[in-house]
N, C-alpha and C. Protein backbone atom coordinates (compact mmCIF):
# COMPACT_ATOMS: atom_id res chain seq x y z
N MET A 1 -8.21 15.31 -12.12
CA MET A 1 -7.94 13.87 -12.09
C MET A 1 -6.44 13.65 -12.08
N THR A 2 -5.95 12.85 -11.17
CA THR A 2 -4.54 12.49 -11.12
C THR A 2 -4.32 11.24 -11.93
N SER A 3 -3.41 11.28 -12.89
CA SER A 3 -3.21 10.12 -13.75
C SER A 3 -1.82 9.55 -13.56
N ILE A 4 -1.73 8.23 -13.69
CA ILE A 4 -0.45 7.54 -13.66
C ILE A 4 -0.31 6.86 -15.01
N GLY A 5 0.60 7.34 -15.80
CA GLY A 5 0.84 6.73 -17.11
C GLY A 5 -0.15 7.16 -18.18
N GLY A 6 -1.00 8.16 -17.86
CA GLY A 6 -1.93 8.65 -18.87
C GLY A 6 -3.34 8.18 -18.63
N VAL A 7 -4.28 8.76 -19.34
CA VAL A 7 -5.69 8.44 -19.19
C VAL A 7 -6.28 8.18 -20.55
N SER A 8 -7.07 7.15 -20.65
CA SER A 8 -7.77 6.85 -21.90
C SER A 8 -9.26 6.92 -21.63
N SER A 9 -10.04 6.96 -22.68
CA SER A 9 -11.48 7.08 -22.52
C SER A 9 -12.14 5.78 -22.11
N THR A 10 -11.43 4.66 -22.22
CA THR A 10 -12.01 3.37 -21.89
C THR A 10 -11.65 3.00 -20.46
N GLU A 11 -12.64 2.96 -19.55
CA GLU A 11 -12.37 2.68 -18.16
C GLU A 11 -12.98 1.35 -17.76
N HIS A 12 -12.31 0.73 -16.80
CA HIS A 12 -12.77 -0.53 -16.21
C HIS A 12 -13.61 -0.16 -15.00
N HIS A 13 -14.93 -0.41 -15.03
CA HIS A 13 -15.82 0.12 -14.01
C HIS A 13 -16.23 -0.90 -12.95
N SER A 14 -16.02 -2.18 -13.15
CA SER A 14 -16.38 -3.15 -12.12
C SER A 14 -15.41 -3.01 -10.96
N PRO A 15 -15.74 -3.60 -9.78
CA PRO A 15 -14.82 -3.46 -8.64
C PRO A 15 -13.39 -3.88 -9.00
N LEU A 16 -12.45 -3.07 -8.59
CA LEU A 16 -11.05 -3.39 -8.85
C LEU A 16 -10.60 -4.54 -7.96
N ASN A 17 -9.82 -5.44 -8.53
CA ASN A 17 -9.19 -6.49 -7.74
C ASN A 17 -7.96 -5.92 -7.05
N ILE A 18 -7.92 -6.07 -5.73
CA ILE A 18 -6.81 -5.58 -4.94
C ILE A 18 -6.11 -6.77 -4.29
N VAL A 19 -4.81 -6.88 -4.50
CA VAL A 19 -3.99 -7.84 -3.75
C VAL A 19 -3.18 -7.04 -2.73
N VAL A 20 -3.20 -7.49 -1.48
CA VAL A 20 -2.55 -6.76 -0.40
C VAL A 20 -1.33 -7.54 0.08
N LEU A 21 -0.20 -6.85 0.20
CA LEU A 21 1.03 -7.42 0.74
C LEU A 21 1.15 -7.03 2.21
N VAL A 22 1.42 -8.00 3.08
CA VAL A 22 1.43 -7.76 4.53
C VAL A 22 2.63 -8.46 5.17
N SER A 23 2.95 -8.00 6.38
CA SER A 23 4.00 -8.65 7.18
C SER A 23 3.66 -8.72 8.66
N GLY A 24 2.63 -7.98 9.11
CA GLY A 24 2.44 -7.82 10.54
C GLY A 24 1.04 -8.08 11.04
N SER A 25 0.57 -7.18 11.91
CA SER A 25 -0.70 -7.39 12.61
C SER A 25 -1.92 -7.25 11.71
N GLY A 26 -1.81 -6.43 10.68
CA GLY A 26 -2.90 -6.33 9.71
C GLY A 26 -3.97 -5.32 10.04
N THR A 27 -3.66 -4.30 10.85
CA THR A 27 -4.68 -3.30 11.15
C THR A 27 -5.05 -2.48 9.92
N LEU A 28 -4.07 -2.18 9.08
CA LEU A 28 -4.37 -1.46 7.84
C LEU A 28 -5.14 -2.36 6.89
N LEU A 29 -4.75 -3.61 6.79
CA LEU A 29 -5.50 -4.58 5.99
C LEU A 29 -6.94 -4.65 6.46
N GLN A 30 -7.16 -4.64 7.78
CA GLN A 30 -8.52 -4.75 8.30
C GLN A 30 -9.39 -3.60 7.83
N SER A 31 -8.83 -2.40 7.81
CA SER A 31 -9.58 -1.25 7.32
C SER A 31 -9.92 -1.41 5.84
N ILE A 32 -8.98 -1.92 5.06
CA ILE A 32 -9.23 -2.16 3.64
C ILE A 32 -10.33 -3.20 3.47
N LEU A 33 -10.28 -4.27 4.26
CA LEU A 33 -11.30 -5.32 4.19
C LEU A 33 -12.67 -4.79 4.59
N ASP A 34 -12.71 -4.03 5.68
CA ASP A 34 -13.99 -3.56 6.22
C ASP A 34 -14.71 -2.59 5.29
N ASN A 35 -13.97 -1.95 4.41
CA ASN A 35 -14.56 -0.91 3.57
C ASN A 35 -14.71 -1.31 2.10
N GLN A 36 -14.61 -2.61 1.81
CA GLN A 36 -14.85 -3.06 0.44
C GLN A 36 -16.27 -2.68 0.00
N ASP A 37 -16.40 -2.24 -1.23
CA ASP A 37 -17.70 -1.86 -1.76
C ASP A 37 -17.68 -2.04 -3.27
N GLU A 38 -18.50 -1.29 -3.98
CA GLU A 38 -18.56 -1.46 -5.43
C GLU A 38 -17.30 -0.96 -6.13
N HIS A 39 -16.43 -0.26 -5.41
CA HIS A 39 -15.21 0.26 -6.02
C HIS A 39 -14.07 -0.75 -6.05
N TYR A 40 -13.95 -1.55 -5.00
CA TYR A 40 -12.83 -2.49 -4.95
C TYR A 40 -13.18 -3.70 -4.10
N ARG A 41 -12.45 -4.78 -4.35
CA ARG A 41 -12.55 -6.00 -3.55
C ARG A 41 -11.15 -6.58 -3.39
N VAL A 42 -10.89 -7.14 -2.21
CA VAL A 42 -9.60 -7.79 -1.96
C VAL A 42 -9.68 -9.22 -2.48
N SER A 43 -8.84 -9.55 -3.44
CA SER A 43 -8.90 -10.87 -4.05
C SER A 43 -7.87 -11.84 -3.47
N ARG A 44 -6.83 -11.30 -2.83
CA ARG A 44 -5.79 -12.17 -2.28
C ARG A 44 -4.93 -11.35 -1.32
N VAL A 45 -4.38 -12.03 -0.31
CA VAL A 45 -3.44 -11.40 0.62
C VAL A 45 -2.18 -12.25 0.65
N VAL A 46 -1.03 -11.61 0.47
CA VAL A 46 0.25 -12.32 0.38
C VAL A 46 1.21 -11.74 1.41
N ALA A 47 1.89 -12.62 2.14
CA ALA A 47 2.85 -12.20 3.16
C ALA A 47 4.21 -12.82 2.90
N ASP A 48 5.22 -12.24 3.55
CA ASP A 48 6.56 -12.80 3.48
C ASP A 48 6.85 -13.71 4.68
N THR A 49 5.92 -13.77 5.63
CA THR A 49 6.08 -14.59 6.82
C THR A 49 4.71 -14.83 7.44
N ALA A 50 4.59 -15.87 8.26
CA ALA A 50 3.34 -16.08 8.98
C ALA A 50 3.08 -14.88 9.89
N CYS A 51 1.86 -14.36 9.88
CA CYS A 51 1.56 -13.16 10.66
C CYS A 51 0.05 -13.06 10.89
N PRO A 52 -0.36 -12.28 11.91
CA PRO A 52 -1.79 -12.13 12.21
C PRO A 52 -2.61 -11.59 11.05
N ALA A 53 -1.99 -10.79 10.18
CA ALA A 53 -2.73 -10.24 9.04
C ALA A 53 -3.33 -11.34 8.18
N LEU A 54 -2.61 -12.45 8.03
CA LEU A 54 -3.13 -13.56 7.22
C LEU A 54 -4.38 -14.15 7.84
N GLU A 55 -4.41 -14.22 9.17
CA GLU A 55 -5.59 -14.75 9.85
C GLU A 55 -6.80 -13.85 9.63
N ARG A 56 -6.58 -12.55 9.59
CA ARG A 56 -7.68 -11.62 9.31
C ARG A 56 -8.28 -11.92 7.93
N ALA A 57 -7.42 -12.16 6.96
CA ALA A 57 -7.89 -12.46 5.60
C ALA A 57 -8.61 -13.80 5.56
N ARG A 58 -8.01 -14.81 6.14
CA ARG A 58 -8.62 -16.14 6.13
C ARG A 58 -9.95 -16.14 6.85
N GLY A 59 -10.08 -15.30 7.87
CA GLY A 59 -11.32 -15.23 8.63
C GLY A 59 -12.51 -14.77 7.82
N VAL A 60 -12.25 -14.08 6.72
CA VAL A 60 -13.35 -13.64 5.85
C VAL A 60 -13.27 -14.33 4.49
N GLY A 61 -12.54 -15.43 4.43
CA GLY A 61 -12.55 -16.27 3.24
C GLY A 61 -11.70 -15.81 2.08
N ILE A 62 -10.73 -14.95 2.34
CA ILE A 62 -9.87 -14.47 1.27
C ILE A 62 -8.63 -15.36 1.17
N PRO A 63 -8.29 -15.84 -0.03
CA PRO A 63 -7.11 -16.69 -0.19
C PRO A 63 -5.83 -15.97 0.23
N THR A 64 -4.90 -16.73 0.79
CA THR A 64 -3.63 -16.17 1.25
C THR A 64 -2.46 -17.01 0.76
N ASP A 65 -1.30 -16.39 0.76
CA ASP A 65 -0.05 -17.08 0.43
C ASP A 65 1.05 -16.54 1.32
N ILE A 66 2.06 -17.37 1.60
CA ILE A 66 3.30 -16.93 2.22
C ILE A 66 4.43 -17.20 1.24
N VAL A 67 5.18 -16.16 0.93
CA VAL A 67 6.35 -16.30 0.06
C VAL A 67 7.56 -15.81 0.86
N ALA A 68 8.24 -16.75 1.50
CA ALA A 68 9.36 -16.40 2.37
C ALA A 68 10.62 -16.11 1.56
N LEU A 69 11.38 -15.13 2.02
CA LEU A 69 12.66 -14.81 1.39
C LEU A 69 13.69 -15.85 1.81
N ASP A 70 14.23 -16.57 0.83
CA ASP A 70 15.12 -17.70 1.13
C ASP A 70 16.58 -17.42 0.83
N GLY A 71 16.93 -16.18 0.62
CA GLY A 71 18.32 -15.82 0.36
C GLY A 71 18.57 -15.35 -1.06
N ASP A 72 17.86 -15.88 -2.02
CA ASP A 72 17.98 -15.45 -3.41
C ASP A 72 16.89 -14.41 -3.67
N ARG A 73 17.26 -13.14 -3.53
CA ARG A 73 16.26 -12.08 -3.58
C ARG A 73 15.60 -11.96 -4.95
N HIS A 74 16.35 -12.15 -6.02
CA HIS A 74 15.75 -12.05 -7.35
C HIS A 74 14.70 -13.15 -7.55
N ALA A 75 15.04 -14.38 -7.18
CA ALA A 75 14.09 -15.48 -7.31
C ALA A 75 12.87 -15.25 -6.43
N TRP A 76 13.10 -14.66 -5.25
CA TRP A 76 11.98 -14.36 -4.35
C TRP A 76 11.02 -13.36 -4.98
N ASN A 77 11.55 -12.33 -5.61
CA ASN A 77 10.69 -11.34 -6.28
C ASN A 77 9.85 -11.98 -7.37
N ILE A 78 10.43 -12.92 -8.10
CA ILE A 78 9.68 -13.61 -9.15
C ILE A 78 8.58 -14.47 -8.53
N ARG A 79 8.91 -15.18 -7.46
CA ARG A 79 7.90 -16.03 -6.79
C ARG A 79 6.80 -15.18 -6.17
N LEU A 80 7.18 -14.04 -5.61
CA LEU A 80 6.18 -13.14 -5.04
C LEU A 80 5.25 -12.63 -6.13
N ALA A 81 5.80 -12.26 -7.27
CA ALA A 81 4.98 -11.79 -8.39
C ALA A 81 4.01 -12.86 -8.86
N GLU A 82 4.45 -14.11 -8.88
CA GLU A 82 3.57 -15.21 -9.29
C GLU A 82 2.44 -15.41 -8.29
N ALA A 83 2.75 -15.31 -7.00
CA ALA A 83 1.72 -15.47 -5.97
C ALA A 83 0.69 -14.36 -6.07
N VAL A 84 1.14 -13.14 -6.30
CA VAL A 84 0.23 -12.01 -6.45
C VAL A 84 -0.63 -12.17 -7.69
N ALA A 85 -0.07 -12.71 -8.76
CA ALA A 85 -0.81 -12.88 -10.01
C ALA A 85 -2.04 -13.76 -9.85
N LEU A 86 -2.02 -14.66 -8.87
CA LEU A 86 -3.19 -15.53 -8.63
C LEU A 86 -4.42 -14.72 -8.25
N GLY A 87 -4.21 -13.52 -7.72
CA GLY A 87 -5.33 -12.65 -7.37
C GLY A 87 -5.78 -11.76 -8.51
N GLU A 88 -5.16 -11.88 -9.68
CA GLU A 88 -5.50 -11.08 -10.86
C GLU A 88 -5.65 -9.60 -10.51
N PRO A 89 -4.61 -9.00 -9.95
CA PRO A 89 -4.77 -7.65 -9.40
C PRO A 89 -4.83 -6.54 -10.44
N ASP A 90 -5.73 -5.59 -10.19
CA ASP A 90 -5.66 -4.30 -10.86
C ASP A 90 -4.68 -3.39 -10.13
N LEU A 91 -4.66 -3.52 -8.80
CA LEU A 91 -3.75 -2.77 -7.95
C LEU A 91 -3.16 -3.69 -6.90
N VAL A 92 -1.91 -3.43 -6.53
CA VAL A 92 -1.26 -4.12 -5.42
C VAL A 92 -1.01 -3.09 -4.33
N VAL A 93 -1.43 -3.41 -3.10
CA VAL A 93 -1.26 -2.49 -1.97
C VAL A 93 -0.25 -3.08 -1.00
N SER A 94 0.81 -2.35 -0.75
CA SER A 94 1.77 -2.71 0.28
C SER A 94 1.28 -2.10 1.59
N ALA A 95 0.78 -2.95 2.49
CA ALA A 95 0.16 -2.49 3.74
C ALA A 95 0.97 -3.03 4.92
N GLY A 96 2.03 -2.32 5.27
CA GLY A 96 2.90 -2.80 6.33
C GLY A 96 3.78 -3.95 5.89
N PHE A 97 4.08 -4.02 4.61
CA PHE A 97 4.94 -5.07 4.07
C PHE A 97 6.39 -4.65 4.30
N MET A 98 7.16 -5.49 4.97
CA MET A 98 8.47 -5.07 5.47
C MET A 98 9.65 -5.51 4.60
N LYS A 99 9.39 -5.80 3.35
CA LYS A 99 10.47 -6.12 2.42
C LYS A 99 10.48 -5.10 1.28
N ILE A 100 11.67 -4.78 0.80
CA ILE A 100 11.80 -3.89 -0.36
C ILE A 100 11.58 -4.71 -1.62
N LEU A 101 10.70 -4.24 -2.47
CA LEU A 101 10.38 -4.94 -3.71
C LEU A 101 11.44 -4.66 -4.77
N GLY A 102 11.85 -5.71 -5.48
CA GLY A 102 12.90 -5.58 -6.48
C GLY A 102 12.37 -5.60 -7.90
N LYS A 103 13.30 -5.55 -8.85
CA LYS A 103 12.94 -5.41 -10.26
C LYS A 103 12.05 -6.55 -10.76
N GLY A 104 12.30 -7.76 -10.30
CA GLY A 104 11.51 -8.89 -10.77
C GLY A 104 10.04 -8.76 -10.46
N PHE A 105 9.71 -8.04 -9.38
CA PHE A 105 8.32 -7.77 -9.03
C PHE A 105 7.84 -6.47 -9.66
N LEU A 106 8.64 -5.43 -9.53
CA LEU A 106 8.22 -4.11 -9.98
C LEU A 106 7.95 -4.05 -11.47
N HIS A 107 8.75 -4.73 -12.26
CA HIS A 107 8.56 -4.68 -13.71
C HIS A 107 7.23 -5.31 -14.13
N ARG A 108 6.79 -6.30 -13.37
CA ARG A 108 5.53 -6.96 -13.71
C ARG A 108 4.32 -6.08 -13.37
N TYR A 109 4.43 -5.31 -12.30
CA TYR A 109 3.28 -4.52 -11.83
C TYR A 109 3.59 -3.03 -11.85
N GLN A 110 4.44 -2.62 -12.76
CA GLN A 110 4.86 -1.22 -12.84
C GLN A 110 3.67 -0.28 -12.88
N GLY A 111 3.68 0.73 -12.00
CA GLY A 111 2.62 1.72 -11.97
C GLY A 111 1.33 1.25 -11.34
N ARG A 112 1.33 0.05 -10.75
CA ARG A 112 0.11 -0.49 -10.14
C ARG A 112 0.33 -0.93 -8.70
N ILE A 113 1.42 -0.47 -8.08
CA ILE A 113 1.72 -0.81 -6.69
C ILE A 113 1.69 0.47 -5.88
N ILE A 114 0.89 0.49 -4.81
CA ILE A 114 0.85 1.65 -3.94
C ILE A 114 1.24 1.25 -2.52
N ASN A 115 1.80 2.22 -1.81
CA ASN A 115 2.31 1.99 -0.46
C ASN A 115 1.86 3.14 0.44
N THR A 116 1.68 2.85 1.72
CA THR A 116 1.44 3.91 2.70
C THR A 116 2.71 4.11 3.51
N HIS A 117 2.97 5.36 3.87
CA HIS A 117 4.17 5.67 4.65
C HIS A 117 3.80 6.66 5.76
N PRO A 118 4.27 6.44 7.00
CA PRO A 118 3.87 7.28 8.13
C PRO A 118 4.69 8.56 8.27
N ALA A 119 4.74 9.34 7.22
CA ALA A 119 5.39 10.65 7.23
C ALA A 119 4.95 11.39 5.97
N LEU A 120 5.25 12.67 5.93
CA LEU A 120 4.94 13.47 4.75
C LEU A 120 6.15 13.44 3.83
N LEU A 121 6.18 12.45 2.95
CA LEU A 121 7.28 12.34 2.00
C LEU A 121 7.36 13.61 1.14
N PRO A 122 8.54 14.03 0.71
CA PRO A 122 9.80 13.28 0.76
C PRO A 122 10.54 13.33 2.08
N SER A 123 9.97 13.98 3.10
CA SER A 123 10.62 13.98 4.41
C SER A 123 10.49 12.62 5.08
N PHE A 124 11.54 12.19 5.74
CA PHE A 124 11.56 11.01 6.59
C PHE A 124 11.14 9.71 5.90
N PRO A 125 11.82 9.37 4.81
CA PRO A 125 11.57 8.06 4.19
C PRO A 125 12.21 6.96 5.02
N GLY A 126 11.92 5.72 4.64
CA GLY A 126 12.55 4.58 5.31
C GLY A 126 11.72 4.00 6.43
N ALA A 127 12.33 3.07 7.15
CA ALA A 127 11.60 2.26 8.12
C ALA A 127 11.25 2.98 9.41
N HIS A 128 11.85 4.16 9.67
CA HIS A 128 11.66 4.82 10.96
C HIS A 128 11.13 6.25 10.78
N GLY A 129 10.14 6.41 9.92
CA GLY A 129 9.62 7.73 9.62
C GLY A 129 9.07 8.46 10.82
N VAL A 130 8.37 7.75 11.70
CA VAL A 130 7.78 8.39 12.89
C VAL A 130 8.88 8.80 13.85
N ARG A 131 9.79 7.90 14.13
CA ARG A 131 10.91 8.19 15.04
C ARG A 131 11.75 9.35 14.52
N ASP A 132 12.02 9.35 13.23
CA ASP A 132 12.85 10.40 12.66
C ASP A 132 12.17 11.76 12.75
N ALA A 133 10.86 11.80 12.55
CA ALA A 133 10.12 13.06 12.66
C ALA A 133 10.20 13.61 14.08
N LEU A 134 10.05 12.74 15.07
CA LEU A 134 10.15 13.18 16.47
C LEU A 134 11.56 13.68 16.78
N ARG A 135 12.56 12.97 16.34
CA ARG A 135 13.95 13.37 16.62
C ARG A 135 14.30 14.70 15.97
N TYR A 136 13.74 14.94 14.80
CA TYR A 136 14.03 16.18 14.09
C TYR A 136 13.30 17.36 14.71
N GLY A 137 12.21 17.09 15.43
CA GLY A 137 11.49 18.14 16.12
C GLY A 137 10.45 18.86 15.29
N VAL A 138 9.93 18.22 14.25
CA VAL A 138 8.91 18.87 13.43
C VAL A 138 7.60 19.01 14.21
N LYS A 139 6.82 19.99 13.84
CA LYS A 139 5.52 20.21 14.48
C LYS A 139 4.39 19.50 13.75
N VAL A 140 4.64 19.11 12.51
CA VAL A 140 3.63 18.43 11.70
C VAL A 140 4.29 17.29 10.94
N THR A 141 3.65 16.13 10.97
CA THR A 141 4.05 15.01 10.13
C THR A 141 2.78 14.50 9.47
N GLY A 142 2.68 13.22 9.16
CA GLY A 142 1.43 12.76 8.55
C GLY A 142 1.57 11.42 7.87
N SER A 143 0.69 11.20 6.91
CA SER A 143 0.65 9.94 6.16
C SER A 143 0.69 10.25 4.67
N THR A 144 1.41 9.42 3.94
CA THR A 144 1.52 9.55 2.48
C THR A 144 1.13 8.24 1.81
N VAL A 145 0.36 8.33 0.75
CA VAL A 145 0.14 7.19 -0.14
C VAL A 145 0.86 7.50 -1.45
N HIS A 146 1.70 6.57 -1.89
CA HIS A 146 2.50 6.83 -3.08
C HIS A 146 2.65 5.57 -3.92
N LEU A 147 2.97 5.77 -5.18
CA LEU A 147 3.31 4.65 -6.04
C LEU A 147 4.71 4.14 -5.69
N VAL A 148 4.90 2.85 -5.83
CA VAL A 148 6.18 2.23 -5.51
C VAL A 148 7.06 2.18 -6.75
N ASP A 149 8.30 2.63 -6.60
CA ASP A 149 9.29 2.48 -7.66
C ASP A 149 10.50 1.76 -7.09
N GLU A 150 11.63 1.83 -7.76
CA GLU A 150 12.80 1.06 -7.33
C GLU A 150 13.54 1.69 -6.16
N GLY A 151 13.18 2.91 -5.77
CA GLY A 151 13.79 3.54 -4.60
C GLY A 151 13.04 3.19 -3.33
N VAL A 152 13.49 3.78 -2.23
CA VAL A 152 12.83 3.59 -0.94
C VAL A 152 11.95 4.81 -0.67
N ASP A 153 10.64 4.63 -0.81
CA ASP A 153 9.65 5.70 -0.58
C ASP A 153 9.91 6.90 -1.49
N THR A 154 10.28 6.64 -2.73
CA THR A 154 10.60 7.71 -3.68
C THR A 154 9.60 7.83 -4.83
N GLY A 155 8.60 6.97 -4.88
CA GLY A 155 7.66 6.98 -5.99
C GLY A 155 6.73 8.18 -5.97
N PRO A 156 6.05 8.45 -7.08
CA PRO A 156 5.13 9.59 -7.17
C PRO A 156 4.08 9.56 -6.07
N ILE A 157 3.86 10.72 -5.46
CA ILE A 157 2.90 10.85 -4.36
C ILE A 157 1.49 10.96 -4.93
N ILE A 158 0.57 10.18 -4.36
CA ILE A 158 -0.83 10.20 -4.76
C ILE A 158 -1.64 11.10 -3.84
N ALA A 159 -1.43 10.97 -2.52
CA ALA A 159 -2.18 11.76 -1.56
C ALA A 159 -1.42 11.83 -0.24
N GLN A 160 -1.66 12.91 0.51
CA GLN A 160 -1.07 13.08 1.83
C GLN A 160 -2.07 13.73 2.76
N GLU A 161 -1.91 13.45 4.06
CA GLU A 161 -2.72 14.12 5.07
C GLU A 161 -1.85 14.39 6.28
N ALA A 162 -1.93 15.60 6.80
CA ALA A 162 -1.07 16.02 7.90
C ALA A 162 -1.60 15.55 9.24
N VAL A 163 -0.67 15.35 10.17
CA VAL A 163 -0.97 15.01 11.56
C VAL A 163 -0.08 15.88 12.44
N ALA A 164 -0.67 16.59 13.39
CA ALA A 164 0.11 17.44 14.29
C ALA A 164 0.94 16.59 15.25
N VAL A 165 2.14 17.06 15.53
CA VAL A 165 2.99 16.43 16.54
C VAL A 165 2.81 17.20 17.84
N LEU A 166 2.36 16.52 18.88
CA LEU A 166 2.07 17.16 20.16
C LEU A 166 3.29 17.12 21.07
N PRO A 167 3.39 18.07 22.01
CA PRO A 167 4.60 18.16 22.84
C PRO A 167 4.93 16.90 23.62
N ASP A 168 3.93 16.16 24.05
CA ASP A 168 4.18 14.97 24.88
C ASP A 168 4.12 13.67 24.08
N ASP A 169 4.15 13.75 22.77
CA ASP A 169 4.07 12.54 21.94
C ASP A 169 5.29 11.64 22.14
N THR A 170 5.02 10.35 22.27
CA THR A 170 6.05 9.33 22.12
C THR A 170 5.93 8.77 20.71
N GLU A 171 6.89 7.95 20.32
CA GLU A 171 6.83 7.35 18.99
C GLU A 171 5.56 6.51 18.83
N ASP A 172 5.23 5.71 19.84
CA ASP A 172 4.06 4.84 19.74
C ASP A 172 2.77 5.64 19.68
N VAL A 173 2.66 6.67 20.53
CA VAL A 173 1.44 7.48 20.56
C VAL A 173 1.24 8.21 19.23
N LEU A 174 2.29 8.81 18.74
CA LEU A 174 2.19 9.52 17.45
C LEU A 174 1.88 8.55 16.32
N HIS A 175 2.52 7.38 16.34
CA HIS A 175 2.29 6.41 15.27
C HIS A 175 0.84 5.96 15.25
N GLU A 176 0.24 5.75 16.42
CA GLU A 176 -1.16 5.34 16.46
C GLU A 176 -2.06 6.41 15.86
N ARG A 177 -1.75 7.68 16.10
CA ARG A 177 -2.56 8.75 15.54
C ARG A 177 -2.38 8.81 14.02
N ILE A 178 -1.17 8.58 13.56
CA ILE A 178 -0.93 8.55 12.11
C ILE A 178 -1.66 7.37 11.47
N LYS A 179 -1.66 6.22 12.15
CA LYS A 179 -2.33 5.04 11.61
C LYS A 179 -3.82 5.28 11.37
N LYS A 180 -4.46 6.05 12.24
CA LYS A 180 -5.88 6.36 12.04
C LYS A 180 -6.09 7.12 10.74
N VAL A 181 -5.21 8.06 10.47
CA VAL A 181 -5.29 8.81 9.21
C VAL A 181 -4.96 7.90 8.03
N GLU A 182 -3.95 7.07 8.21
CA GLU A 182 -3.50 6.16 7.16
C GLU A 182 -4.63 5.24 6.70
N ARG A 183 -5.39 4.71 7.65
CA ARG A 183 -6.49 3.79 7.32
C ARG A 183 -7.55 4.49 6.49
N ARG A 184 -7.88 5.71 6.87
CA ARG A 184 -8.88 6.47 6.13
C ARG A 184 -8.36 6.85 4.74
N LEU A 185 -7.09 7.24 4.69
CA LEU A 185 -6.52 7.71 3.43
C LEU A 185 -6.42 6.60 2.39
N ILE A 186 -6.00 5.41 2.80
CA ILE A 186 -5.85 4.32 1.83
C ILE A 186 -7.20 3.90 1.26
N VAL A 187 -8.23 3.87 2.10
CA VAL A 187 -9.57 3.53 1.60
C VAL A 187 -10.05 4.58 0.61
N SER A 188 -9.80 5.84 0.92
CA SER A 188 -10.19 6.92 0.01
C SER A 188 -9.51 6.78 -1.34
N ILE A 189 -8.22 6.42 -1.33
CA ILE A 189 -7.47 6.25 -2.58
C ILE A 189 -8.01 5.07 -3.38
N LEU A 190 -8.28 3.96 -2.70
CA LEU A 190 -8.80 2.78 -3.40
C LEU A 190 -10.15 3.06 -4.04
N ARG A 191 -10.95 3.88 -3.40
CA ARG A 191 -12.27 4.22 -3.96
C ARG A 191 -12.16 5.20 -5.13
N ARG A 192 -11.05 5.90 -5.22
CA ARG A 192 -10.84 6.84 -6.33
C ARG A 192 -10.12 6.22 -7.51
N ALA A 193 -9.59 5.02 -7.33
CA ALA A 193 -8.76 4.41 -8.38
C ALA A 193 -9.61 3.87 -9.52
N HIS A 194 -9.13 4.08 -10.73
CA HIS A 194 -9.76 3.53 -11.93
C HIS A 194 -8.68 2.98 -12.84
N VAL A 195 -9.00 1.92 -13.55
CA VAL A 195 -8.05 1.29 -14.46
C VAL A 195 -8.57 1.44 -15.88
N ASP A 196 -7.70 1.91 -16.77
CA ASP A 196 -8.04 1.98 -18.18
C ASP A 196 -8.19 0.56 -18.70
N GLY A 197 -9.38 0.22 -19.18
CA GLY A 197 -9.65 -1.14 -19.60
C GLY A 197 -8.86 -1.58 -20.81
N ARG A 198 -8.34 -0.64 -21.58
CA ARG A 198 -7.58 -0.97 -22.79
C ARG A 198 -6.09 -1.13 -22.50
N THR A 199 -5.54 -0.22 -21.67
CA THR A 199 -4.09 -0.21 -21.45
C THR A 199 -3.67 -0.76 -20.10
N GLY A 200 -4.62 -0.86 -19.15
CA GLY A 200 -4.27 -1.29 -17.80
C GLY A 200 -3.67 -0.20 -16.95
N GLU A 201 -3.60 1.03 -17.47
CA GLU A 201 -3.04 2.14 -16.71
C GLU A 201 -4.00 2.57 -15.59
N VAL A 202 -3.42 3.04 -14.50
CA VAL A 202 -4.20 3.42 -13.33
C VAL A 202 -4.25 4.94 -13.21
N HIS A 203 -5.41 5.47 -12.88
CA HIS A 203 -5.50 6.87 -12.52
C HIS A 203 -6.42 7.03 -11.32
N PHE A 204 -6.34 8.19 -10.68
CA PHE A 204 -7.06 8.43 -9.44
C PHE A 204 -7.86 9.71 -9.57
N LYS A 205 -9.17 9.59 -9.43
CA LYS A 205 -10.03 10.76 -9.53
C LYS A 205 -9.87 11.62 -8.29
N ASN A 206 -9.91 12.94 -8.50
CA ASN A 206 -9.83 13.86 -7.37
C ASN A 206 -11.11 13.81 -6.56
N ASP A 207 -10.97 14.11 -5.25
CA ASP A 207 -12.16 14.15 -4.39
C ASP A 207 -13.13 15.21 -4.88
């Protein structure tokens, strides 16, 4: 069992409330929505801008919010945290969310925010993980699910899956292949997640 912050004997067994942060088309969100079951349910979707991902959520009746960055980043983090709180989250999933989360948000949801990244961290962090892997000439890259901390893609790794880099790969072609793995991996992690009902700490059962 992989634990974050420790494990207690008291577990929260009802479906976990998941709030998803989005900025784009929402293909990863769609996979999360399509695979809801007794393990988790999406209670709210929050974006930093109007985007197709919000329409995917609204189409299945899930409440949404837009919290635009207005120049005061600290105040924005506080407003974002308040919007997420409306979904009463056990876990927050950053699914293609294109803003770096700051202290005002992280302190409220410490140890309960997970992110997907299109590379095998700690290699190729940042916004261009696929491009950087191709430029470096690696033969294998992949997808990582990790906890979010105050760094950029530096939080504890929860799970990874490798993807081969083929000789004729372009950035777009390779990224699409990684996205297929990413969608499967995030659903697997959400189904393994458990929250200690007494402390609120999150842990992830091994497959």
